[in-house]
């Protein structure tokens, strides 16, 4: 955008120089036109003087007429040049106005581009922060997965211990039942052998 603005400014300066040159051309054309007018007046005066001289001034009258024609031709040419110069000046003025509008638009576009660049920097900063947050969340999630796996392993170990304890309890209950049965059997067996008391 800066390069475009500089190029447009350079073009505007060139157009301004063209306008100044056309003004100089117009001044030169005006000078030539004044010279042509004065030459025409001199040719008219020479014709009058030649007419007053009679036959002696006949040759001079021919020269005065030729000078008059040259003056008129120069005047016509300068008028055409003046019209062309004015047309060029008008076009240069229009182009200059359009260039001014273009410069304004380029300046506005440059400001918008600068603003967009600032917004992009903000977006980049926010994106980097989001990336950091996502990385932190991913790391935390991985740690939670590891902790969950550890908890599952511990739960499985507790489950195994519980199963072992349950089995041991069942075996203990079975052994207690066997002991109870053995105790009853022993009491019954001992009851058979009653010792009578000895009287003194």
Foldseek 3Di string as FASTA:
>chain_A
DVVVLVVLVVVLVVLVVVLVVLVVVLVVLVVQLVVLVVQLVVLVVQLVVLVVVPPVSPVSNVVSVVSNVVSVVSNVVSVVSNVVSVVSNVVSVVVSVVSVVVSVVVVVVVVVVVVVVVVVVVVVVVVVVVVVVVVVVVVVVVVVVVVVVVVVVVVVVVVVVVVVVVVVVVVVVVVVVVVVVVVVVVVVVVVVDDDDDDDD
